[in-house]
C-alpha atoms as a PDB file:
ATOM      1  CA  UNK A   1     119.762 199.704 159.981  1.00  0.00           C
ATOM      2  CA  UNK A   2     122.505 202.256 160.485  1.00  0.00           C
ATOM      3  CA  UNK A   3     125.473 200.943 162.407  1.00  0.00           C
ATOM      4  CA  UNK A   4     126.267 202.830 165.594  1.00  0.00           C
ATOM      5  CA  UNK A   5     129.929 202.867 164.563  1.00  0.00           C
ATOM      6  CA  UNK A   6     129.008 204.866 161.471  1.00  0.00           C
ATOM      7  CA  UNK A   7     127.889 207.777 163.640  1.00  0.00           C
ATOM      8  CA  UNK A   8     131.454 208.601 164.598  1.00  0.00           C
ATOM      9  CA  UNK A   9     134.469 209.752 162.670  1.00  0.00           C
ATOM     10  CA  UNK A  10     137.501 207.442 163.012  1.00  0.00           C
ATOM     11  CA  UNK A  11     139.169 207.703 166.435  1.00  0.00           C
ATOM     12  CA  UNK A  12     136.427 209.910 167.905  1.00  0.00           C
ATOM     13  CA  UNK A  13     135.473 207.130 170.316  1.00  0.00           C
ATOM     14  CA  UNK A  14     139.061 206.618 171.424  1.00  0.00           C
ATOM     15  CA  UNK A  15     139.532 210.351 172.050  1.00  0.00           C
ATOM     16  CA  UNK A  16     136.360 210.412 174.129  1.00  0.00           C
ATOM     17  CA  UNK A  17     137.394 207.351 176.121  1.00  0.00           C
ATOM     18  CA  UNK A  18     140.791 208.724 177.146  1.00  0.00           C
ATOM     19  CA  UNK A  19     139.288 211.261 179.560  1.00  0.00           C
ATOM     20  CA  UNK A  20     138.918 210.647 183.269  1.00  0.00           C
ATOM     21  CA  UNK A  21     135.217 209.764 182.935  1.00  0.00           C
ATOM     22  CA  UNK A  22     134.850 207.314 180.084  1.00  0.00           C
ATOM     23  CA  UNK A  23     131.553 207.772 178.327  1.00  0.00           C
ATOM     24  CA  UNK A  24     130.176 207.356 174.816  1.00  0.00           C
ATOM     25  CA  UNK A  25     129.547 210.646 172.993  1.00  0.00           C
ATOM     26  CA  UNK A  26     126.040 212.025 173.536  1.00  0.00           C
ATOM     27  CA  UNK A  27     125.015 211.555 169.897  1.00  0.00           C
ATOM     28  CA  UNK A  28     125.955 207.865 170.065  1.00  0.00           C
ATOM     29  CA  UNK A  29     124.032 207.209 173.275  1.00  0.00           C
ATOM     30  CA  UNK A  30     121.076 209.133 171.801  1.00  0.00           C
ATOM     31  CA  UNK A  31     121.125 206.822 168.761  1.00  0.00           C
ATOM     32  CA  UNK A  32     121.379 203.756 171.004  1.00  0.00           C
ATOM     33  CA  UNK A  33     118.463 205.086 173.070  1.00  0.00           C
ATOM     34  CA  UNK A  34     116.401 205.506 169.907  1.00  0.00           C
ATOM     35  CA  UNK A  35     117.207 201.978 168.709  1.00  0.00           C
ATOM     36  CA  UNK A  36     116.370 200.451 172.098  1.00  0.00           C
ATOM     37  CA  UNK A  37     113.044 202.300 172.075  1.00  0.00           C
ATOM     38  CA  UNK A  38     112.371 201.044 168.538  1.00  0.00           C
ATOM     39  CA  UNK A  39     113.164 197.469 169.574  1.00  0.00           C
ATOM     40  CA  UNK A  40     111.595 197.349 173.052  1.00  0.00           C
ATOM     41  CA  UNK A  41     109.002 200.129 172.801  1.00  0.00           C
ATOM     42  CA  UNK A  42     107.121 201.013 175.965  1.00  0.00           C
ATOM     43  CA  UNK A  43     109.093 198.511 178.063  1.00  0.00           C
ATOM     44  CA  UNK A  44     112.320 200.449 177.418  1.00  0.00           C
ATOM     45  CA  UNK A  45     110.773 203.902 177.686  1.00  0.00           C
ATOM     46  CA  UNK A  46     108.907 203.188 180.915  1.00  0.00           C
ATOM     47  CA  UNK A  47     111.906 201.607 182.581  1.00  0.00           C
ATOM     48  CA  UNK A  48     114.636 204.061 181.515  1.00  0.00           C
ATOM     49  CA  UNK A  49     112.747 207.200 180.464  1.00  0.00           C
ATOM     50  CA  UNK A  50     114.016 209.776 178.033  1.00  0.00           C
ATOM     51  CA  UNK A  51     117.611 210.102 176.915  1.00  0.00           C
ATOM     52  CA  UNK A  52     117.756 213.880 177.290  1.00  0.00           C
ATOM     53  CA  UNK A  53     116.701 216.089 180.167  1.00  0.00           C
ATOM     54  CA  UNK A  54     114.774 219.362 179.556  1.00  0.00           C
ATOM     55  CA  UNK A  55     118.073 221.261 179.178  1.00  0.00           C
ATOM     56  CA  UNK A  56     119.285 218.909 176.427  1.00  0.00           C
ATOM     57  CA  UNK A  57     121.831 217.030 178.561  1.00  0.00           C
ATOM     58  CA  UNK A  58     121.792 213.304 179.196  1.00  0.00           C
ATOM     59  CA  UNK A  59     119.527 211.996 181.907  1.00  0.00           C
ATOM     60  CA  UNK A  60     121.068 210.053 184.777  1.00  0.00           C
ATOM     61  CA  UNK A  61     119.991 206.755 183.206  1.00  0.00           C
ATOM     62  CA  UNK A  62     121.472 207.710 179.823  1.00  0.00           C
ATOM     63  CA  UNK A  63     124.769 208.766 181.457  1.00  0.00           C
ATOM     64  CA  UNK A  64     124.939 205.438 183.278  1.00  0.00           C
ATOM     65  CA  UNK A  65     124.414 203.533 180.017  1.00  0.00           C
ATOM     66  CA  UNK A  66     126.930 205.771 178.208  1.00  0.00           C
ATOM     67  CA  UNK A  67     129.568 205.054 180.855  1.00  0.00           C
ATOM     68  CA  UNK A  68     128.850 201.317 180.912  1.00  0.00           C
ATOM     69  CA  UNK A  69     128.880 200.934 177.128  1.00  0.00           C
ATOM     70  CA  UNK A  70     132.079 202.989 176.764  1.00  0.00           C
ATOM     71  CA  UNK A  71     133.996 199.832 177.707  1.00  0.00           C
ATOM     72  CA  UNK A  72     132.822 198.154 174.493  1.00  0.00           C
ATOM     73  CA  UNK A  73     134.101 198.807 170.979  1.00  0.00           C
ATOM     74  CA  UNK A  74     131.432 200.441 168.814  1.00  0.00           C
ATOM     75  CA  UNK A  75     131.607 197.476 166.442  1.00  0.00           C
ATOM     76  CA  UNK A  76     130.554 195.170 169.301  1.00  0.00           C
ATOM     77  CA  UNK A  77     127.578 197.394 170.072  1.00  0.00           C
ATOM     78  CA  UNK A  78     126.620 197.364 166.400  1.00  0.00           C
ATOM     79  CA  UNK A  79     126.862 193.551 166.276  1.00  0.00           C
ATOM     80  CA  UNK A  80     124.689 193.406 169.386  1.00  0.00           C
ATOM     81  CA  UNK A  81     121.947 195.411 167.688  1.00  0.00           C
ATOM     82  CA  UNK A  82     122.147 193.258 164.583  1.00  0.00           C
ATOM     83  CA  UNK A  83     121.771 190.169 166.767  1.00  0.00           C
ATOM     84  CA  UNK A  84     118.754 191.640 168.571  1.00  0.00           C
ATOM     85  CA  UNK A  85     117.018 192.381 165.288  1.00  0.00           C
ATOM     86  CA  UNK A  86     117.788 188.891 163.890  1.00  0.00           C
ATOM     87  CA  UNK A  87     116.457 187.186 167.000  1.00  0.00           C
ATOM     88  CA  UNK A  88     113.298 189.272 166.950  1.00  0.00           C
ATOM     89  CA  UNK A  89     112.752 188.503 163.261  1.00  0.00           C
ATOM     90  CA  UNK A  90     113.317 184.770 163.794  1.00  0.00           C
ATOM     91  CA  UNK A  91     111.007 184.814 166.803  1.00  0.00           C
ATOM     92  CA  UNK A  92     108.225 186.449 164.795  1.00  0.00           C
ATOM     93  CA  UNK A  93     108.608 183.878 162.023  1.00  0.00           C
ATOM     94  CA  UNK A  94     108.381 181.034 164.554  1.00  0.00           C
ATOM     95  CA  UNK A  95     105.211 182.527 166.096  1.00  0.00           C
ATOM     96  CA  UNK A  96     103.565 182.966 162.699  1.00  0.00           C
ATOM     97  CA  UNK A  97     104.279 179.413 161.603  1.00  0.00           C
ATOM     98  CA  UNK A  98     102.823 177.914 164.782  1.00  0.00           C
END
């Protein structure tokens, strides 16, 4: 699994966050959106929809997530994804052994 933090050059996140509207860069939120769809499938897609609108900009839901996640260091987001995958893997093992 590629770490979200690897998508950015050093300090790109901090430059983005210094503006008046703090938001993750579009390519980072797009990657997060893809990972959430891979993890949660239809549940994620039906609840939050697509990441991009027809013009290629972020949808309202994606902008909201990008602004909310901008408060977190990218390393924390990456750790969160690793934790989600571990829990899912452990949960599948427990179901199979039952």
